[in-house]
Amino acid sequence: MGEIIRFISKSERERARLIREARANYERIFPSADPADAQGTADEGSGSEASSKP
């Protein structure tokens, strides 16, 4: 019942999507030597971002 719902604007969702896409492209070009490092960057934004899928 005490749940807080945070409004995320369309521009903020788009910004987050572009950042995720840029990180994926960077990782594809410059793969990390440590697989645990790649997982850490994927978890950075989880929980505070809404899905960009319609």
Protein backbone atom coordinates (compact mmCIF):
# COMPACT_ATOMS: atom_id res chain seq x y z
CA MET A 1 0.00 0.00 0.00
CA GLY A 2 2.88 2.41 0.67
CA GLU A 3 4.22 1.95 -2.85
CA ILE A 4 5.59 5.02 -4.62
CA ILE A 5 5.09 5.34 -8.35
CA ARG A 6 7.60 7.59 -10.11
CA PHE A 7 6.61 9.40 -13.29
CA ILE A 8 9.21 8.99 -16.03
CA SER A 9 8.89 11.37 -18.94
CA LYS A 10 9.12 10.22 -22.53
CA SER A 11 12.37 12.15 -23.03
CA GLU A 12 13.93 10.52 -19.97
CA ARG A 13 12.96 7.04 -21.22
CA GLU A 14 14.40 7.86 -24.65
CA ARG A 15 17.63 9.12 -23.06
CA ALA A 16 17.95 5.89 -21.03
CA ARG A 17 17.31 3.82 -24.17
CA LEU A 18 19.98 5.69 -26.11
CA ILE A 19 22.47 5.22 -23.28
CA ARG A 20 21.78 1.46 -23.16
CA GLU A 21 22.18 1.26 -26.94
CA ALA A 22 25.45 3.20 -26.86
CA ARG A 23 26.81 0.97 -24.09
CA ALA A 24 25.87 -2.14 -26.07
CA ASN A 25 27.62 -0.77 -29.17
CA TYR A 26 30.71 0.12 -27.14
CA GLU A 27 30.77 -3.33 -25.56
CA ARG A 28 30.48 -4.94 -28.99
CA ILE A 29 33.47 -2.92 -30.28
CA PHE A 30 35.55 -3.07 -27.09
CA PRO A 31 34.59 -6.26 -25.26
CA SER A 32 35.56 -6.31 -21.61
CA ALA A 33 38.12 -8.84 -20.45
CA ASP A 34 36.11 -9.52 -17.28
CA PRO A 35 32.56 -10.87 -17.85
CA ALA A 36 31.55 -9.75 -14.33
CA ASP A 37 32.31 -6.14 -15.34
CA ALA A 38 29.86 -6.34 -18.25
CA GLN A 39 27.14 -7.60 -15.92
CA GLY A 40 27.77 -4.69 -13.51
CA THR A 41 27.15 -2.09 -16.21
CA ALA A 42 23.93 -3.81 -17.24
CA ASP A 43 22.60 -3.60 -13.68
CA GLU A 44 23.34 0.10 -13.17
CA GLY A 45 19.98 1.44 -14.28
CA SER A 46 17.71 -1.42 -13.29
CA GLY A 47 14.77 -0.62 -11.10
CA SER A 48 14.50 3.08 -11.81
CA GLU A 49 13.78 2.95 -15.51
CA ALA A 50 10.58 1.96 -17.21
CA SER A 51 10.62 -0.38 -20.13
CA SER A 52 10.89 1.42 -23.45
CA LYS A 53 8.84 -1.26 -25.20
CA PRO A 54 5.33 -0.16 -26.17
